[in-house]
Amino acid sequence: MQSYDENGFIRHRGRKALAGELGRYASHILAWQQVIKFDQPVVVLEDDFILRYDFCALIEAAELWTNKHHSIRLSHGKQNFFIQLPSRMRSS
């Protein structure tokens, strides 16, 4: 995989990437290529995504952030460099 930085991965994770992680990385690269191709707002969902009753409210809240940031990542329980929405918007 041409854009995979094995040394960078080892620096951050302390080991080489597993086959499944490389596959996930490749799918993420493909998703971002599609985002660039269509130049439209896009929501990318992981394979373990669970649709919740407040999904539309979450997307509306996220839309407010896209005016200030080129891209955002919504992720339960992670804070590294990403915007956290109020706890009522996160999964339980």
PDB file of N, CA and C in Angstrom:
ATOM      1  N   MET A   1       0.859  -1.156   0.000  1.00  0.00           N
ATOM      2  CA  MET A   1       0.000   0.000   0.000  1.00  0.00           C
ATOM      3  C   MET A   1       0.912   1.227   0.000  1.00  0.00           C
ATOM      4  N   GLN A   2       0.745   2.045  -1.015  1.00  0.00           N
ATOM      5  CA  GLN A   2       1.672   3.129  -1.273  1.00  0.00           C
ATOM      6  C   GLN A   2       1.688   4.210  -0.186  1.00  0.00           C
ATOM      7  N   SER A   3       0.545   4.605   0.359  1.00  0.00           N
ATOM      8  CA  SER A   3       0.516   5.712   1.312  1.00  0.00           C
ATOM      9  C   SER A   3       0.653   5.273   2.771  1.00  0.00           C
ATOM     10  N   TYR A   4       0.772   3.991   3.021  1.00  0.00           N
ATOM     11  CA  TYR A   4       0.914   3.493   4.389  1.00  0.00           C
ATOM     12  C   TYR A   4       2.317   3.792   4.903  1.00  0.00           C
ATOM     13  N   ASP A   5       2.415   4.419   6.043  1.00  0.00           N
ATOM     14  CA  ASP A   5       3.686   4.767   6.668  1.00  0.00           C
ATOM     15  C   ASP A   5       3.932   3.799   7.823  1.00  0.00           C
ATOM     16  N   GLU A   6       4.627   2.696   7.522  1.00  0.00           N
ATOM     17  CA  GLU A   6       4.847   1.675   8.538  1.00  0.00           C
ATOM     18  C   GLU A   6       5.635   2.212   9.724  1.00  0.00           C
ATOM     19  N   ASN A   7       6.657   3.008   9.482  1.00  0.00           N
ATOM     20  CA  ASN A   7       7.443   3.568  10.587  1.00  0.00           C
ATOM     21  C   ASN A   7       6.579   4.471  11.466  1.00  0.00           C
ATOM     22  N   GLY A   8       5.723   5.256  10.850  1.00  0.00           N
ATOM     23  CA  GLY A   8       4.809   6.109  11.612  1.00  0.00           C
ATOM     24  C   GLY A   8       3.852   5.291  12.449  1.00  0.00           C
ATOM     25  N   PHE A   9       3.325   4.200  11.868  1.00  0.00           N
ATOM     26  CA  PHE A   9       2.406   3.332  12.594  1.00  0.00           C
ATOM     27  C   PHE A   9       3.119   2.726  13.804  1.00  0.00           C
ATOM     28  N   ILE A  10       4.327   2.242  13.583  1.00  0.00           N
ATOM     29  CA  ILE A  10       5.093   1.630  14.676  1.00  0.00           C
ATOM     30  C   ILE A  10       5.374   2.661  15.769  1.00  0.00           C
ATOM     31  N   ARG A  11       5.698   3.903  15.380  1.00  0.00           N
ATOM     32  CA  ARG A  11       5.945   4.972  16.360  1.00  0.00           C
ATOM     33  C   ARG A  11       4.716   5.218  17.226  1.00  0.00           C
ATOM     34  N   HIS A  12       3.523   5.210  16.609  1.00  0.00           N
ATOM     35  CA  HIS A  12       2.294   5.520  17.348  1.00  0.00           C
ATOM     36  C   HIS A  12       1.706   4.322  18.075  1.00  0.00           C
ATOM     37  N   ARG A  13       1.871   3.135  17.517  1.00  0.00           N
ATOM     38  CA  ARG A  13       1.248   1.948  18.105  1.00  0.00           C
ATOM     39  C   ARG A  13       2.237   0.992  18.767  1.00  0.00           C
ATOM     40  N   GLY A  14       3.513   1.156  18.482  1.00  0.00           N
ATOM     41  CA  GLY A  14       4.513   0.278  19.076  1.00  0.00           C
ATOM     42  C   GLY A  14       4.610  -1.085  18.423  1.00  0.00           C
ATOM     43  N   ARG A  15       4.026  -1.222  17.240  1.00  0.00           N
ATOM     44  CA  ARG A  15       4.053  -2.498  16.507  1.00  0.00           C
ATOM     45  C   ARG A  15       3.658  -2.254  15.059  1.00  0.00           C
ATOM     46  N   LYS A  16       3.858  -3.284  14.236  1.00  0.00           N
ATOM     47  CA  LYS A  16       3.406  -3.207  12.842  1.00  0.00           C
ATOM     48  C   LYS A  16       1.892  -3.384  12.788  1.00  0.00           C
ATOM     49  N   ALA A  17       1.304  -2.890  11.736  1.00  0.00           N
ATOM     50  CA  ALA A  17      -0.143  -3.016  11.555  1.00  0.00           C
ATOM     51  C   ALA A  17      -0.518  -4.463  11.230  1.00  0.00           C
ATOM     52  N   LEU A  18      -1.655  -4.888  11.763  1.00  0.00           N
ATOM     53  CA  LEU A  18      -2.200  -6.203  11.441  1.00  0.00           C
ATOM     54  C   LEU A  18      -2.888  -6.144  10.084  1.00  0.00           C
ATOM     55  N   ALA A  19      -3.113  -7.288   9.471  1.00  0.00           N
ATOM     56  CA  ALA A  19      -3.740  -7.345   8.148  1.00  0.00           C
ATOM     57  C   ALA A  19      -5.096  -6.630   8.138  1.00  0.00           C
ATOM     58  N   GLY A  20      -5.895  -6.837   9.169  1.00  0.00           N
ATOM     59  CA  GLY A  20      -7.204  -6.188   9.251  1.00  0.00           C
ATOM     60  C   GLY A  20      -7.093  -4.678   9.347  1.00  0.00           C
ATOM     61  N   GLU A  21      -6.067  -4.209  10.043  1.00  0.00           N
ATOM     62  CA  GLU A  21      -5.849  -2.764  10.154  1.00  0.00           C
ATOM     63  C   GLU A  21      -5.446  -2.170   8.809  1.00  0.00           C
ATOM     64  N   LEU A  22      -4.648  -2.892   8.054  1.00  0.00           N
ATOM     65  CA  LEU A  22      -4.272  -2.421   6.719  1.00  0.00           C
ATOM     66  C   LEU A  22      -5.491  -2.363   5.808  1.00  0.00           C
ATOM     67  N   GLY A  23      -6.366  -3.341   5.924  1.00  0.00           N
ATOM     68  CA  GLY A  23      -7.603  -3.348   5.135  1.00  0.00           C
ATOM     69  C   GLY A  23      -8.489  -2.170   5.491  1.00  0.00           C
ATOM     70  N   ARG A  24      -8.601  -1.887   6.764  1.00  0.00           N
ATOM     71  CA  ARG A  24      -9.403  -0.758   7.221  1.00  0.00           C
ATOM     72  C   ARG A  24      -8.783   0.549   6.719  1.00  0.00           C
ATOM     73  N   TYR A  25      -7.470   0.648   6.786  1.00  0.00           N
ATOM     74  CA  TYR A  25      -6.766   1.829   6.298  1.00  0.00           C
ATOM     75  C   TYR A  25      -7.053   2.031   4.811  1.00  0.00           C
ATOM     76  N   ALA A  26      -6.979   0.956   4.036  1.00  0.00           N
ATOM     77  CA  ALA A  26      -7.237   1.048   2.592  1.00  0.00           C
ATOM     78  C   ALA A  26      -8.674   1.509   2.329  1.00  0.00           C
ATOM     79  N   SER A  27      -9.636   1.014   3.104  1.00  0.00           N
ATOM     80  CA  SER A  27     -11.026   1.428   2.901  1.00  0.00           C
ATOM     81  C   SER A  27     -11.224   2.887   3.274  1.00  0.00           C
ATOM     82  N   HIS A  28     -10.501   3.358   4.287  1.00  0.00           N
ATOM     83  CA  HIS A  28     -10.593   4.766   4.675  1.00  0.00           C
ATOM     84  C   HIS A  28     -10.013   5.662   3.575  1.00  0.00           C
ATOM     85  N   ILE A  29      -8.903   5.251   2.992  1.00  0.00           N
ATOM     86  CA  ILE A  29      -8.308   6.013   1.886  1.00  0.00           C
ATOM     87  C   ILE A  29      -9.298   6.085   0.730  1.00  0.00           C
ATOM     88  N   LEU A  30      -9.940   4.975   0.392  1.00  0.00           N
ATOM     89  CA  LEU A  30     -10.933   4.951  -0.680  1.00  0.00           C
ATOM     90  C   LEU A  30     -12.103   5.878  -0.358  1.00  0.00           C
ATOM     91  N   ALA A  31     -12.562   5.870   0.873  1.00  0.00           N
ATOM     92  CA  ALA A  31     -13.666   6.755   1.272  1.00  0.00           C
ATOM     93  C   ALA A  31     -13.264   8.211   1.097  1.00  0.00           C
ATOM     94  N   TRP A  32     -12.058   8.582   1.533  1.00  0.00           N
ATOM     95  CA  TRP A  32     -11.616   9.974   1.390  1.00  0.00           C
ATOM     96  C   TRP A  32     -11.454  10.357  -0.082  1.00  0.00           C
ATOM     97  N   GLN A  33     -11.025   9.418  -0.919  1.00  0.00           N
ATOM     98  CA  GLN A  33     -10.926   9.711  -2.354  1.00  0.00           C
ATOM     99  C   GLN A  33     -12.306  10.021  -2.929  1.00  0.00           C
ATOM    100  N   GLN A  34     -13.327   9.312  -2.468  1.00  0.00           N
ATOM    101  CA  GLN A  34     -14.691   9.575  -2.931  1.00  0.00           C
ATOM    102  C   GLN A  34     -15.193  10.932  -2.431  1.00  0.00           C
ATOM    103  N   VAL A  35     -14.850  11.276  -1.198  1.00  0.00           N
ATOM    104  CA  VAL A  35     -15.228  12.581  -0.656  1.00  0.00           C
ATOM    105  C   VAL A  35     -14.647  13.686  -1.537  1.00  0.00           C
ATOM    106  N   ILE A  36     -13.375  13.548  -1.879  1.00  0.00           N
ATOM    107  CA  ILE A  36     -12.716  14.547  -2.727  1.00  0.00           C
ATOM    108  C   ILE A  36     -13.357  14.579  -4.114  1.00  0.00           C
ATOM    109  N   LYS A  37     -13.642  13.420  -4.660  1.00  0.00           N
ATOM    110  CA  LYS A  37     -14.225  13.324  -6.005  1.00  0.00           C
ATOM    111  C   LYS A  37     -15.567  14.051  -6.092  1.00  0.00           C
ATOM    112  N   PHE A  38     -16.437  13.842  -5.118  1.00  0.00           N
ATOM    113  CA  PHE A  38     -17.776  14.417  -5.163  1.00  0.00           C
ATOM    114  C   PHE A  38     -17.849  15.826  -4.589  1.00  0.00           C
ATOM    115  N   ASP A  39     -16.855  16.222  -3.789  1.00  0.00           N
ATOM    116  CA  ASP A  39     -16.791  17.564  -3.208  1.00  0.00           C
ATOM    117  C   ASP A  39     -18.129  17.974  -2.586  1.00  0.00           C
ATOM    118  N   GLN A  40     -18.693  17.083  -1.816  1.00  0.00           N
ATOM    119  CA  GLN A  40     -19.963  17.305  -1.131  1.00  0.00           C
ATOM    120  C   GLN A  40     -19.811  16.845   0.322  1.00  0.00           C
ATOM    121  N   PRO A  41     -20.639  17.379   1.210  1.00  0.00           N
ATOM    122  CA  PRO A  41     -20.602  16.874   2.591  1.00  0.00           C
ATOM    123  C   PRO A  41     -20.915  15.372   2.613  1.00  0.00           C
ATOM    124  N   VAL A  42     -20.151  14.641   3.373  1.00  0.00           N
ATOM    125  CA  VAL A  42     -20.275  13.183   3.405  1.00  0.00           C
ATOM    126  C   VAL A  42     -20.202  12.713   4.854  1.00  0.00           C
ATOM    127  N   VAL A  43     -20.984  11.701   5.167  1.00  0.00           N
ATOM    128  CA  VAL A  43     -20.893  11.029   6.458  1.00  0.00           C
ATOM    129  C   VAL A  43     -20.380   9.627   6.173  1.00  0.00           C
ATOM    130  N   VAL A  44     -19.253   9.280   6.753  1.00  0.00           N
ATOM    131  CA  VAL A  44     -18.672   7.953   6.583  1.00  0.00           C
ATOM    132  C   VAL A  44     -18.935   7.181   7.869  1.00  0.00           C
ATOM    133  N   LEU A  45     -19.574   6.024   7.739  1.00  0.00           N
ATOM    134  CA  LEU A  45     -19.931   5.208   8.903  1.00  0.00           C
ATOM    135  C   LEU A  45     -19.077   3.947   8.930  1.00  0.00           C
ATOM    136  N   GLU A  46     -18.637   3.572  10.094  1.00  0.00           N
ATOM    137  CA  GLU A  46     -17.876   2.338  10.263  1.00  0.00           C
ATOM    138  C   GLU A  46     -18.796   1.129  10.164  1.00  0.00           C
ATOM    139  N   ASP A  47     -18.215  -0.047   9.950  1.00  0.00           N
ATOM    140  CA  ASP A  47     -19.012  -1.257   9.789  1.00  0.00           C
ATOM    141  C   ASP A  47     -19.747  -1.658  11.069  1.00  0.00           C
ATOM    142  N   ASP A  48     -19.286  -1.171  12.209  1.00  0.00           N
ATOM    143  CA  ASP A  48     -19.956  -1.495  13.470  1.00  0.00           C
ATOM    144  C   ASP A  48     -20.872  -0.361  13.953  1.00  0.00           C
ATOM    145  N   PHE A  49     -21.175   0.571  13.056  1.00  0.00           N
ATOM    146  CA  PHE A  49     -22.049   1.693  13.380  1.00  0.00           C
ATOM    147  C   PHE A  49     -23.438   1.184  13.783  1.00  0.00           C
ATOM    148  N   ILE A  50     -23.996   1.772  14.831  1.00  0.00           N
ATOM    149  CA  ILE A  50     -25.349   1.438  15.282  1.00  0.00           C
ATOM    150  C   ILE A  50     -26.198   2.694  15.161  1.00  0.00           C
ATOM    151  N   LEU A  51     -27.242   2.620  14.351  1.00  0.00           N
ATOM    152  CA  LEU A  51     -28.123   3.763  14.146  1.00  0.00           C
ATOM    153  C   LEU A  51     -28.933   4.001  15.420  1.00  0.00           C
ATOM    154  N   ARG A  52     -28.852   5.226  15.913  1.00  0.00           N
ATOM    155  CA  ARG A  52     -29.571   5.603  17.125  1.00  0.00           C
ATOM    156  C   ARG A  52     -30.700   6.558  16.788  1.00  0.00           C
ATOM    157  N   TYR A  53     -31.628   6.690  17.705  1.00  0.00           N
ATOM    158  CA  TYR A  53     -32.779   7.572  17.519  1.00  0.00           C
ATOM    159  C   TYR A  53     -32.363   9.027  17.302  1.00  0.00           C
ATOM    160  N   ASP A  54     -31.210   9.444  17.853  1.00  0.00           N
ATOM    161  CA  ASP A  54     -30.790  10.840  17.762  1.00  0.00           C
ATOM    162  C   ASP A  54     -29.746  11.091  16.667  1.00  0.00           C
ATOM    163  N   PHE A  55     -29.652  10.172  15.710  1.00  0.00           N
ATOM    164  CA  PHE A  55     -28.663  10.307  14.643  1.00  0.00           C
ATOM    165  C   PHE A  55     -28.833  11.614  13.867  1.00  0.00           C
ATOM    166  N   CYS A  56     -30.049  11.966  13.509  1.00  0.00           N
ATOM    167  CA  CYS A  56     -30.282  13.198  12.740  1.00  0.00           C
ATOM    168  C   CYS A  56     -29.858  14.430  13.530  1.00  0.00           C
ATOM    169  N   ALA A  57     -30.111  14.432  14.837  1.00  0.00           N
ATOM    170  CA  ALA A  57     -29.690  15.550  15.682  1.00  0.00           C
ATOM    171  C   ALA A  57     -28.166  15.625  15.731  1.00  0.00           C
ATOM    172  N   LEU A  58     -27.516  14.489  15.777  1.00  0.00           N
ATOM    173  CA  LEU A  58     -26.057  14.447  15.774  1.00  0.00           C
ATOM    174  C   LEU A  58     -25.511  15.041  14.483  1.00  0.00           C
ATOM    175  N   ILE A  59     -26.091  14.682  13.353  1.00  0.00           N
ATOM    176  CA  ILE A  59     -25.647  15.210  12.062  1.00  0.00           C
ATOM    177  C   ILE A  59     -25.882  16.720  11.992  1.00  0.00           C
ATOM    178  N   GLU A  60     -27.004  17.171  12.500  1.00  0.00           N
ATOM    179  CA  GLU A  60     -27.278  18.615  12.519  1.00  0.00           C
ATOM    180  C   GLU A  60     -26.255  19.352  13.374  1.00  0.00           C
ATOM    181  N   ALA A  61     -25.916  18.794  14.522  1.00  0.00           N
ATOM    182  CA  ALA A  61     -24.907  19.408  15.386  1.00  0.00           C
ATOM    183  C   ALA A  61     -23.537  19.400  14.699  1.00  0.00           C
ATOM    184  N   ALA A  62     -23.221  18.306  14.041  1.00  0.00           N
ATOM    185  CA  ALA A  62     -21.938  18.205  13.338  1.00  0.00           C
ATOM    186  C   ALA A  62     -21.863  19.219  12.202  1.00  0.00           C
ATOM    187  N   GLU A  63     -22.979  19.469  11.554  1.00  0.00           N
ATOM    188  CA  GLU A  63     -23.004  20.418  10.440  1.00  0.00           C
ATOM    189  C   GLU A  63     -22.559  21.810  10.885  1.00  0.00           C
ATOM    190  N   LEU A  64     -22.886  22.186  12.115  1.00  0.00           N
ATOM    191  CA  LEU A  64     -22.461  23.481  12.639  1.00  0.00           C
ATOM    192  C   LEU A  64     -20.936  23.588  12.700  1.00  0.00           C
ATOM    193  N   TRP A  65     -20.286  22.479  13.003  1.00  0.00           N
ATOM    194  CA  TRP A  65     -18.818  22.473  13.108  1.00  0.00           C
ATOM    195  C   TRP A  65     -18.145  22.522  11.744  1.00  0.00           C
ATOM    196  N   THR A  66     -18.820  22.032  10.714  1.00  0.00           N
ATOM    197  CA  THR A  66     -18.188  21.999   9.392  1.00  0.00           C
ATOM    198  C   THR A  66     -18.010  23.400   8.818  1.00  0.00           C
ATOM    199  N   ASN A  67     -18.692  24.385   9.358  1.00  0.00           N
ATOM    200  CA  ASN A  67     -18.464  25.759   8.924  1.00  0.00           C
ATOM    201  C   ASN A  67     -17.108  26.275   9.396  1.00  0.00           C
ATOM    202  N   LYS A  68     -16.573  25.689  10.471  1.00  0.00           N
ATOM    203  CA  LYS A  68     -15.306  26.132  11.044  1.00  0.00           C
ATOM    204  C   LYS A  68     -14.149  25.195  10.699  1.00  0.00           C
ATOM    205  N   HIS A  69     -14.447  23.935  10.407  1.00  0.00           N
ATOM    206  CA  HIS A  69     -13.411  22.932  10.194  1.00  0.00           C
ATOM    207  C   HIS A  69     -13.668  22.200   8.878  1.00  0.00           C
ATOM    208  N   HIS A  70     -12.599  21.888   8.174  1.00  0.00           N
ATOM    209  CA  HIS A  70     -12.725  21.197   6.895  1.00  0.00           C
ATOM    210  C   HIS A  70     -13.325  19.796   7.065  1.00  0.00           C
ATOM    211  N   SER A  71     -12.931  19.125   8.116  1.00  0.00           N
ATOM    212  CA  SER A  71     -13.488  17.800   8.388  1.00  0.00           C
ATOM    213  C   SER A  71     -13.542  17.596   9.895  1.00  0.00           C
ATOM    214  N   ILE A  72     -14.449  16.756  10.323  1.00  0.00           N
ATOM    215  CA  ILE A  72     -14.559  16.415  11.738  1.00  0.00           C
ATOM    216  C   ILE A  72     -14.737  14.910  11.861  1.00  0.00           C
ATOM    217  N   ARG A  73     -14.377  14.401  12.999  1.00  0.00           N
ATOM    218  CA  ARG A  73     -14.557  12.974  13.272  1.00  0.00           C
ATOM    219  C   ARG A  73     -15.339  12.860  14.571  1.00  0.00           C
ATOM    220  N   LEU A  74     -16.430  12.158  14.513  1.00  0.00           N
ATOM    221  CA  LEU A  74     -17.240  11.914  15.702  1.00  0.00           C
ATOM    222  C   LEU A  74     -16.941  10.503  16.170  1.00  0.00           C
ATOM    223  N   SER A  75     -16.543  10.385  17.406  1.00  0.00           N
ATOM    224  CA  SER A  75     -16.162   9.075  17.907  1.00  0.00           C
ATOM    225  C   SER A  75     -16.432   9.028  19.399  1.00  0.00           C
ATOM    226  N   HIS A  76     -17.106   8.019  19.836  1.00  0.00           N
ATOM    227  CA  HIS A  76     -17.420   7.854  21.252  1.00  0.00           C
ATOM    228  C   HIS A  76     -16.145   7.637  22.055  1.00  0.00           C
ATOM    229  N   GLY A  77     -15.965   8.475  23.067  1.00  0.00           N
ATOM    230  CA  GLY A  77     -14.894   8.263  24.021  1.00  0.00           C
ATOM    231  C   GLY A  77     -13.500   8.650  23.577  1.00  0.00           C
ATOM    232  N   LYS A  78     -13.342   9.264  22.417  1.00  0.00           N
ATOM    233  CA  LYS A  78     -12.008   9.656  21.964  1.00  0.00           C
ATOM    234  C   LYS A  78     -11.934  11.174  21.915  1.00  0.00           C
ATOM    235  N   GLN A  79     -10.802  11.717  22.351  1.00  0.00           N
ATOM    236  CA  GLN A  79     -10.657  13.164  22.381  1.00  0.00           C
ATOM    237  C   GLN A  79      -9.458  13.656  21.578  1.00  0.00           C
ATOM    238  N   ASN A  80      -8.585  12.800  21.116  1.00  0.00           N
ATOM    239  CA  ASN A  80      -7.364  13.221  20.454  1.00  0.00           C
ATOM    240  C   ASN A  80      -7.631  14.001  19.179  1.00  0.00           C
ATOM    241  N   PHE A  81      -7.450  15.295  19.220  1.00  0.00           N
ATOM    242  CA  PHE A  81      -7.527  16.169  18.062  1.00  0.00           C
ATOM    243  C   PHE A  81      -8.904  16.227  17.408  1.00  0.00           C
ATOM    244  N   PHE A  82      -9.915  15.683  18.014  1.00  0.00           N
ATOM    245  CA  PHE A  82     -11.229  15.672  17.414  1.00  0.00           C
ATOM    246  C   PHE A  82     -12.223  16.394  18.304  1.00  0.00           C
ATOM    247  N   ILE A  83     -13.266  16.874  17.706  1.00  0.00           N
ATOM    248  CA  ILE A  83     -14.271  17.645  18.418  1.00  0.00           C
ATOM    249  C   ILE A  83     -15.223  16.700  19.135  1.00  0.00           C
ATOM    250  N   GLN A  84     -15.450  16.931  20.403  1.00  0.00           N
ATOM    251  CA  GLN A  84     -16.406  16.155  21.175  1.00  0.00           C
ATOM    252  C   GLN A  84     -17.740  16.893  21.196  1.00  0.00           C
ATOM    253  N   LEU A  85     -18.801  16.189  20.916  1.00  0.00           N
ATOM    254  CA  LEU A  85     -20.130  16.769  21.056  1.00  0.00           C
ATOM    255  C   LEU A  85     -20.587  16.598  22.495  1.00  0.00           C
ATOM    256  N   PRO A  86     -21.587  17.367  22.938  1.00  0.00           N
ATOM    257  CA  PRO A  86     -22.079  17.211  24.300  1.00  0.00           C
ATOM    258  C   PRO A  86     -22.446  15.758  24.604  1.00  0.00           C
ATOM    259  N   SER A  87     -22.319  15.348  25.863  1.00  0.00           N
ATOM    260  CA  SER A  87     -22.534  13.952  26.237  1.00  0.00           C
ATOM    261  C   SER A  87     -23.906  13.428  25.845  1.00  0.00           C
ATOM    262  N   ARG A  88     -24.922  14.280  25.775  1.00  0.00           N
ATOM    263  CA  ARG A  88     -26.246  13.803  25.376  1.00  0.00           C
ATOM    264  C   ARG A  88     -26.271  13.370  23.915  1.00  0.00           C
ATOM    265  N   MET A  89     -25.246  13.768  23.123  1.00  0.00           N
ATOM    266  CA  MET A  89     -25.191  13.411  21.714  1.00  0.00           C
ATOM    267  C   MET A  89     -24.376  12.145  21.483  1.00  0.00           C
ATOM    268  N   ARG A  90     -23.647  11.690  22.508  1.00  0.00           N
ATOM    269  CA  ARG A  90     -22.809  10.505  22.354  1.00  0.00           C
ATOM    270  C   ARG A  90     -23.585   9.266  22.741  1.00  0.00           C
ATOM    271  N   SER A  91     -23.138   8.127  22.202  1.00  0.00           N
ATOM    272  CA  SER A  91     -23.821   6.873  22.533  1.00  0.00           C
ATOM    273  C   SER A  91     -23.603   6.524  23.995  1.00  0.00           C
ATOM    274  N   SER A  92     -24.526   5.781  24.571  1.00  0.00           N
ATOM    275  CA  SER A  92     -24.435   5.414  25.990  1.00  0.00           C
ATOM    276  C   SER A  92     -23.544   4.225  26.175  1.00  0.00           C
TER     277      SER A  92
END
